[in-house]
Amino acid sequence: MSKRNIFNHDVVSRFIVGTVGMPGERAFFIQVESVIGFTTVAVEKSQVSALSVRLRELITQVRRNKLASLDELEIAALVDNEALNFPIDEEFTAGVMAIAWDVDSQRVSVEIQAVADGEFTELLGDDEVSEIEDPPDLLRFNLRLFQARGFCDRADLIVASGRTACPFCGLPIDSNGHLCPRSNGYRR
């Protein structure tokens, strides 16, 4: 049995998403940085978008249910517009992601598990890993609400900065146009 690599970042100084490449050919990466260094994980554009939506929903629920102190809720979003840390050496490609609010620490807990061979469609607990021959790697970290809001703001901008959508079919338009199914194969 092999050991599972777990990248733990308790106090996060940076939690960002960034891309490498031109629109239509971009690779998306999430980076988490703390005093122990930084960890880079490759993600899909749809995962970035979904993570942003879910984090915003979690923040809304925390505010609505008064689960965080007013001091924590009132800190303005911190948008980190700096570039990704280089060299970009991804530890793994993200598969399953989980977020939760920890009332005791007043932090958002995030876990990102590596893509596995289709066997694991749920996040594996620490006790389940001992029975698996090649367990997927895991990135685990905690962040404050203002960091989560800043990540969401940056993620939304990065996702939206891709190729424009065709007004007729919604598919992305390349610099050369595209064959629109709604125009009987004519190039738009």
C-alpha atoms as a PDB file:
ATOM      1  CA  MET A   1       0.000   0.000   0.000  1.00  0.00           C
ATOM      2  CA  SER A   2       1.229   3.431  -0.842  1.00  0.00           C
ATOM      3  CA  LYS A   3       0.899   6.462   1.351  1.00  0.00           C
ATOM      4  CA  ARG A   4      -1.478   9.305   0.570  1.00  0.00           C
ATOM      5  CA  ASN A   5       0.159  12.698   0.047  1.00  0.00           C
ATOM      6  CA  ILE A   6      -1.662  15.314   2.111  1.00  0.00           C
ATOM      7  CA  PHE A   7      -0.815  18.984   1.652  1.00  0.00           C
ATOM      8  CA  ASN A   8      -1.977  20.797   4.822  1.00  0.00           C
ATOM      9  CA  HIS A   9      -2.077  24.594   4.984  1.00  0.00           C
ATOM     10  CA  ASP A  10      -3.586  25.757   8.273  1.00  0.00           C
ATOM     11  CA  VAL A  11      -3.124  29.516   8.054  1.00  0.00           C
ATOM     12  CA  VAL A  12      -3.413  30.490   4.402  1.00  0.00           C
ATOM     13  CA  SER A  13      -1.763  33.698   3.213  1.00  0.00           C
ATOM     14  CA  ARG A  14      -2.841  33.205  -0.434  1.00  0.00           C
ATOM     15  CA  PHE A  15      -5.648  31.305  -2.146  1.00  0.00           C
ATOM     16  CA  ILE A  16      -5.901  32.147  -5.836  1.00  0.00           C
ATOM     17  CA  VAL A  17      -6.834  30.843  -9.235  1.00  0.00           C
ATOM     18  CA  GLY A  18      -4.834  31.670 -12.334  1.00  0.00           C
ATOM     19  CA  THR A  19      -4.355  30.561 -15.897  1.00  0.00           C
ATOM     20  CA  VAL A  20      -1.578  29.881 -18.335  1.00  0.00           C
ATOM     21  CA  GLY A  21      -2.171  30.168 -22.067  1.00  0.00           C
ATOM     22  CA  MET A  22      -4.466  31.956 -24.474  1.00  0.00           C
ATOM     23  CA  PRO A  23      -8.287  31.851 -24.257  1.00  0.00           C
ATOM     24  CA  GLY A  24      -9.498  28.566 -25.643  1.00  0.00           C
ATOM     25  CA  GLU A  25      -6.226  26.896 -24.693  1.00  0.00           C
ATOM     26  CA  ARG A  26      -5.879  28.007 -21.081  1.00  0.00           C
ATOM     27  CA  ALA A  27      -4.848  25.728 -18.250  1.00  0.00           C
ATOM     28  CA  PHE A  28      -6.379  26.631 -14.885  1.00  0.00           C
ATOM     29  CA  PHE A  29      -4.543  26.307 -11.570  1.00  0.00           C
ATOM     30  CA  ILE A  30      -5.408  26.870  -7.927  1.00  0.00           C
ATOM     31  CA  GLN A  31      -2.557  27.869  -5.638  1.00  0.00           C
ATOM     32  CA  VAL A  32      -2.575  27.864  -1.866  1.00  0.00           C
ATOM     33  CA  GLU A  33       0.267  29.476   0.045  1.00  0.00           C
ATOM     34  CA  SER A  34       1.169  29.469   3.720  1.00  0.00           C
ATOM     35  CA  VAL A  35       4.305  29.499   5.854  1.00  0.00           C
ATOM     36  CA  ILE A  36       5.159  25.981   4.652  1.00  0.00           C
ATOM     37  CA  GLY A  37       5.263  27.076   0.982  1.00  0.00           C
ATOM     38  CA  PHE A  38       2.773  26.841  -1.831  1.00  0.00           C
ATOM     39  CA  THR A  39       0.833  24.023  -3.432  1.00  0.00           C
ATOM     40  CA  THR A  40      -0.454  24.111  -7.005  1.00  0.00           C
ATOM     41  CA  VAL A  41      -3.364  22.008  -8.248  1.00  0.00           C
ATOM     42  CA  ALA A  42      -4.612  21.809 -11.841  1.00  0.00           C
ATOM     43  CA  VAL A  43      -8.370  22.355 -12.213  1.00  0.00           C
ATOM     44  CA  GLU A  44     -10.964  22.653 -14.946  1.00  0.00           C
ATOM     45  CA  LYS A  45     -12.674  25.952 -15.748  1.00  0.00           C
ATOM     46  CA  SER A  46     -16.017  24.460 -14.696  1.00  0.00           C
ATOM     47  CA  GLN A  47     -14.542  23.464 -11.312  1.00  0.00           C
ATOM     48  CA  VAL A  48     -13.343  27.032 -10.720  1.00  0.00           C
ATOM     49  CA  SER A  49     -16.785  28.373 -11.550  1.00  0.00           C
ATOM     50  CA  ALA A  50     -18.537  25.803  -9.346  1.00  0.00           C
ATOM     51  CA  LEU A  51     -16.165  26.452  -6.433  1.00  0.00           C
ATOM     52  CA  SER A  52     -16.843  30.181  -6.662  1.00  0.00           C
ATOM     53  CA  VAL A  53     -20.616  29.627  -6.678  1.00  0.00           C
ATOM     54  CA  ARG A  54     -20.464  27.227  -3.719  1.00  0.00           C
ATOM     55  CA  LEU A  55     -18.202  29.511  -1.682  1.00  0.00           C
ATOM     56  CA  ARG A  56     -20.589  32.421  -2.236  1.00  0.00           C
ATOM     57  CA  GLU A  57     -23.510  30.218  -1.149  1.00  0.00           C
ATOM     58  CA  LEU A  58     -21.616  29.158   1.973  1.00  0.00           C
ATOM     59  CA  ILE A  59     -20.799  32.781   2.847  1.00  0.00           C
ATOM     60  CA  THR A  60     -24.467  33.721   2.418  1.00  0.00           C
ATOM     61  CA  GLN A  61     -25.560  30.877   4.723  1.00  0.00           C
ATOM     62  CA  VAL A  62     -22.943  31.802   7.325  1.00  0.00           C
ATOM     63  CA  ARG A  63     -24.169  35.408   7.300  1.00  0.00           C
ATOM     64  CA  ARG A  64     -27.865  34.474   7.259  1.00  0.00           C
ATOM     65  CA  ASN A  65     -27.532  31.993  10.137  1.00  0.00           C
ATOM     66  CA  LYS A  66     -25.203  34.272  12.133  1.00  0.00           C
ATOM     67  CA  LEU A  67     -22.521  31.585  12.376  1.00  0.00           C
ATOM     68  CA  ALA A  68     -19.611  34.037  12.216  1.00  0.00           C
ATOM     69  CA  SER A  69     -18.746  37.028  14.331  1.00  0.00           C
ATOM     70  CA  LEU A  70     -19.665  40.449  12.984  1.00  0.00           C
ATOM     71  CA  ASP A  71     -15.979  41.366  12.948  1.00  0.00           C
ATOM     72  CA  GLU A  72     -15.247  38.452  10.595  1.00  0.00           C
ATOM     73  CA  LEU A  73     -18.239  39.170   8.359  1.00  0.00           C
ATOM     74  CA  GLU A  74     -17.419  42.856   7.918  1.00  0.00           C
ATOM     75  CA  ILE A  75     -13.847  42.477   6.636  1.00  0.00           C
ATOM     76  CA  ALA A  76     -13.764  43.560   2.988  1.00  0.00           C
ATOM     77  CA  ALA A  77     -12.848  41.028   0.317  1.00  0.00           C
ATOM     78  CA  LEU A  78      -9.133  40.767  -0.362  1.00  0.00           C
ATOM     79  CA  VAL A  79      -8.658  40.266  -4.096  1.00  0.00           C
ATOM     80  CA  ASP A  80      -5.156  39.040  -4.892  1.00  0.00           C
ATOM     81  CA  ASN A  81      -4.344  40.210  -8.429  1.00  0.00           C
ATOM     82  CA  GLU A  82      -0.746  39.030  -8.398  1.00  0.00           C
ATOM     83  CA  ALA A  83       0.420  36.355 -10.822  1.00  0.00           C
ATOM     84  CA  LEU A  84       0.668  32.696  -9.952  1.00  0.00           C
ATOM     85  CA  ASN A  85       3.849  31.627  -8.178  1.00  0.00           C
ATOM     86  CA  PHE A  86       6.374  30.162 -10.602  1.00  0.00           C
ATOM     87  CA  PRO A  87       7.496  27.588 -11.439  1.00  0.00           C
ATOM     88  CA  ILE A  88       4.047  26.060 -11.851  1.00  0.00           C
ATOM     89  CA  ASP A  89       4.564  22.470 -10.845  1.00  0.00           C
ATOM     90  CA  GLU A  90       1.166  20.951 -10.197  1.00  0.00           C
ATOM     91  CA  GLU A  91       0.970  18.378  -7.429  1.00  0.00           C
ATOM     92  CA  PHE A  92      -2.127  16.743  -8.912  1.00  0.00           C
ATOM     93  CA  THR A  93      -5.284  17.376 -10.935  1.00  0.00           C
ATOM     94  CA  ALA A  94      -8.360  18.180  -8.859  1.00  0.00           C
ATOM     95  CA  GLY A  95     -11.219  15.732  -8.773  1.00  0.00           C
ATOM     96  CA  VAL A  96     -13.569  15.982  -5.806  1.00  0.00           C
ATOM     97  CA  MET A  97     -13.817  19.210  -3.790  1.00  0.00           C
ATOM     98  CA  ALA A  98     -15.505  19.861  -0.452  1.00  0.00           C
ATOM     99  CA  ILE A  99     -16.103  23.035   1.527  1.00  0.00           C
ATOM    100  CA  ALA A 100     -17.521  23.510   5.021  1.00  0.00           C
ATOM    101  CA  TRP A 101     -17.788  26.188   7.693  1.00  0.00           C
ATOM    102  CA  ASP A 102     -15.942  25.470  10.947  1.00  0.00           C
ATOM    103  CA  VAL A 103     -17.773  27.397  13.661  1.00  0.00           C
ATOM    104  CA  ASP A 104     -15.032  26.916  16.256  1.00  0.00           C
ATOM    105  CA  SER A 105     -12.178  28.341  14.181  1.00  0.00           C
ATOM    106  CA  GLN A 106     -14.399  30.762  12.204  1.00  0.00           C
ATOM    107  CA  ARG A 107     -12.816  29.511   8.983  1.00  0.00           C
ATOM    108  CA  VAL A 108     -13.886  27.961   5.699  1.00  0.00           C
ATOM    109  CA  SER A 109     -12.461  24.468   5.470  1.00  0.00           C
ATOM    110  CA  VAL A 110     -11.584  23.352   1.923  1.00  0.00           C
ATOM    111  CA  GLU A 111     -10.461  19.934   0.752  1.00  0.00           C
ATOM    112  CA  ILE A 112      -9.471  19.126  -2.817  1.00  0.00           C
ATOM    113  CA  GLN A 113      -8.863  15.485  -3.681  1.00  0.00           C
ATOM    114  CA  ALA A 114      -6.929  14.307  -6.722  1.00  0.00           C
ATOM    115  CA  VAL A 115      -8.632  12.676  -9.676  1.00  0.00           C
ATOM    116  CA  ALA A 116      -8.716   8.928  -9.203  1.00  0.00           C
ATOM    117  CA  ASP A 117      -9.444   6.108 -11.620  1.00  0.00           C
ATOM    118  CA  GLY A 118     -13.197   6.690 -11.486  1.00  0.00           C
ATOM    119  CA  GLU A 119     -13.477   4.661  -8.291  1.00  0.00           C
ATOM    120  CA  PHE A 120     -13.729   7.568  -5.885  1.00  0.00           C
ATOM    121  CA  THR A 121     -16.534   9.981  -6.596  1.00  0.00           C
ATOM    122  CA  GLU A 122     -16.640  11.145  -2.988  1.00  0.00           C
ATOM    123  CA  LEU A 123     -14.031  12.652  -0.725  1.00  0.00           C
ATOM    124  CA  LEU A 124     -12.250   9.904   1.201  1.00  0.00           C
ATOM    125  CA  GLY A 125     -11.963  10.173   4.951  1.00  0.00           C
ATOM    126  CA  ASP A 126      -8.666   9.524   6.716  1.00  0.00           C
ATOM    127  CA  ASP A 127      -9.950   6.180   8.037  1.00  0.00           C
ATOM    128  CA  GLU A 128     -10.990   4.962   4.558  1.00  0.00           C
ATOM    129  CA  VAL A 129      -7.558   5.573   3.010  1.00  0.00           C
ATOM    130  CA  SER A 130      -5.804   2.739   4.857  1.00  0.00           C
ATOM    131  CA  GLU A 131      -7.777   0.137   2.912  1.00  0.00           C
ATOM    132  CA  ILE A 132      -6.907   1.563  -0.538  1.00  0.00           C
ATOM    133  CA  GLU A 133      -3.809   0.560  -2.462  1.00  0.00           C
ATOM    134  CA  ASP A 134      -3.112   3.867  -4.234  1.00  0.00           C
ATOM    135  CA  PRO A 135      -5.147   6.572  -2.457  1.00  0.00           C
ATOM    136  CA  PRO A 136      -5.634   9.943  -4.195  1.00  0.00           C
ATOM    137  CA  ASP A 137      -3.640  12.933  -2.914  1.00  0.00           C
ATOM    138  CA  LEU A 138      -5.369  15.631  -0.889  1.00  0.00           C
ATOM    139  CA  LEU A 139      -4.987  19.388  -0.449  1.00  0.00           C
ATOM    140  CA  ARG A 140      -6.497  20.609   2.835  1.00  0.00           C
ATOM    141  CA  PHE A 141      -6.610  24.217   4.014  1.00  0.00           C
ATOM    142  CA  ASN A 142      -8.590  26.788   5.986  1.00  0.00           C
ATOM    143  CA  LEU A 143      -9.298  30.351   5.003  1.00  0.00           C
ATOM    144  CA  ARG A 144     -11.113  33.357   6.308  1.00  0.00           C
ATOM    145  CA  LEU A 145     -14.309  34.733   4.789  1.00  0.00           C
ATOM    146  CA  PHE A 146     -12.621  37.767   3.242  1.00  0.00           C
ATOM    147  CA  GLN A 147     -10.125  35.469   1.517  1.00  0.00           C
ATOM    148  CA  ALA A 148     -12.962  33.321   0.167  1.00  0.00           C
ATOM    149  CA  ARG A 149     -14.776  36.400  -1.187  1.00  0.00           C
ATOM    150  CA  GLY A 150     -11.549  37.633  -2.785  1.00  0.00           C
ATOM    151  CA  PHE A 151     -11.030  34.233  -4.436  1.00  0.00           C
ATOM    152  CA  CYS A 152     -14.591  34.335  -5.793  1.00  0.00           C
ATOM    153  CA  ASP A 153     -14.150  37.841  -7.233  1.00  0.00           C
ATOM    154  CA  ARG A 154     -10.924  36.854  -9.002  1.00  0.00           C
ATOM    155  CA  ALA A 155     -12.317  33.490 -10.153  1.00  0.00           C
ATOM    156  CA  ASP A 156     -15.383  35.135 -11.695  1.00  0.00           C
ATOM    157  CA  LEU A 157     -13.191  37.587 -13.625  1.00  0.00           C
ATOM    158  CA  ILE A 158     -10.859  34.872 -14.875  1.00  0.00           C
ATOM    159  CA  VAL A 159     -13.695  32.597 -15.990  1.00  0.00           C
ATOM    160  CA  ALA A 160     -15.413  35.493 -17.774  1.00  0.00           C
ATOM    161  CA  SER A 161     -12.208  36.566 -19.535  1.00  0.00           C
ATOM    162  CA  GLY A 162     -12.238  33.559 -21.834  1.00  0.00           C
ATOM    163  CA  ARG A 163     -13.659  33.363 -25.324  1.00  0.00           C
ATOM    164  CA  THR A 164     -16.933  35.166 -25.925  1.00  0.00           C
ATOM    165  CA  ALA A 165     -20.054  33.089 -26.353  1.00  0.00           C
ATOM    166  CA  CYS A 166     -21.976  32.969 -29.621  1.00  0.00           C
ATOM    167  CA  PRO A 167     -25.226  34.932 -29.185  1.00  0.00           C
ATOM    168  CA  PHE A 168     -27.109  32.265 -31.154  1.00  0.00           C
ATOM    169  CA  CYS A 169     -25.909  28.927 -29.772  1.00  0.00           C
ATOM    170  CA  GLY A 170     -23.882  29.836 -26.670  1.00  0.00           C
ATOM    171  CA  LEU A 171     -20.767  27.956 -27.801  1.00  0.00           C
ATOM    172  CA  PRO A 172     -17.405  29.753 -27.500  1.00  0.00           C
ATOM    173  CA  ILE A 173     -16.229  31.697 -30.535  1.00  0.00           C
ATOM    174  CA  ASP A 174     -12.582  31.317 -31.560  1.00  0.00           C
ATOM    175  CA  SER A 175     -10.630  34.168 -33.159  1.00  0.00           C
ATOM    176  CA  ASN A 176     -11.496  32.586 -36.547  1.00  0.00           C
ATOM    177  CA  GLY A 177     -15.193  32.312 -35.680  1.00  0.00           C
ATOM    178  CA  HIS A 178     -16.973  28.991 -35.317  1.00  0.00           C
ATOM    179  CA  LEU A 179     -19.394  26.740 -37.127  1.00  0.00           C
ATOM    180  CA  CYS A 180     -22.666  27.642 -35.460  1.00  0.00           C
ATOM    181  CA  PRO A 181     -25.201  24.807 -35.333  1.00  0.00           C
ATOM    182  CA  ARG A 182     -28.039  27.357 -35.391  1.00  0.00           C
ATOM    183  CA  SER A 183     -26.872  28.760 -38.715  1.00  0.00           C
ATOM    184  CA  ASN A 184     -26.861  25.443 -40.580  1.00  0.00           C
ATOM    185  CA  GLY A 185     -23.075  25.147 -40.482  1.00  0.00           C
ATOM    186  CA  TYR A 186     -22.235  28.644 -41.702  1.00  0.00           C
ATOM    187  CA  ARG A 187     -19.259  30.263 -40.035  1.00  0.00           C
ATOM    188  CA  ARG A 188     -20.018  33.099 -37.624  1.00  0.00           C
END
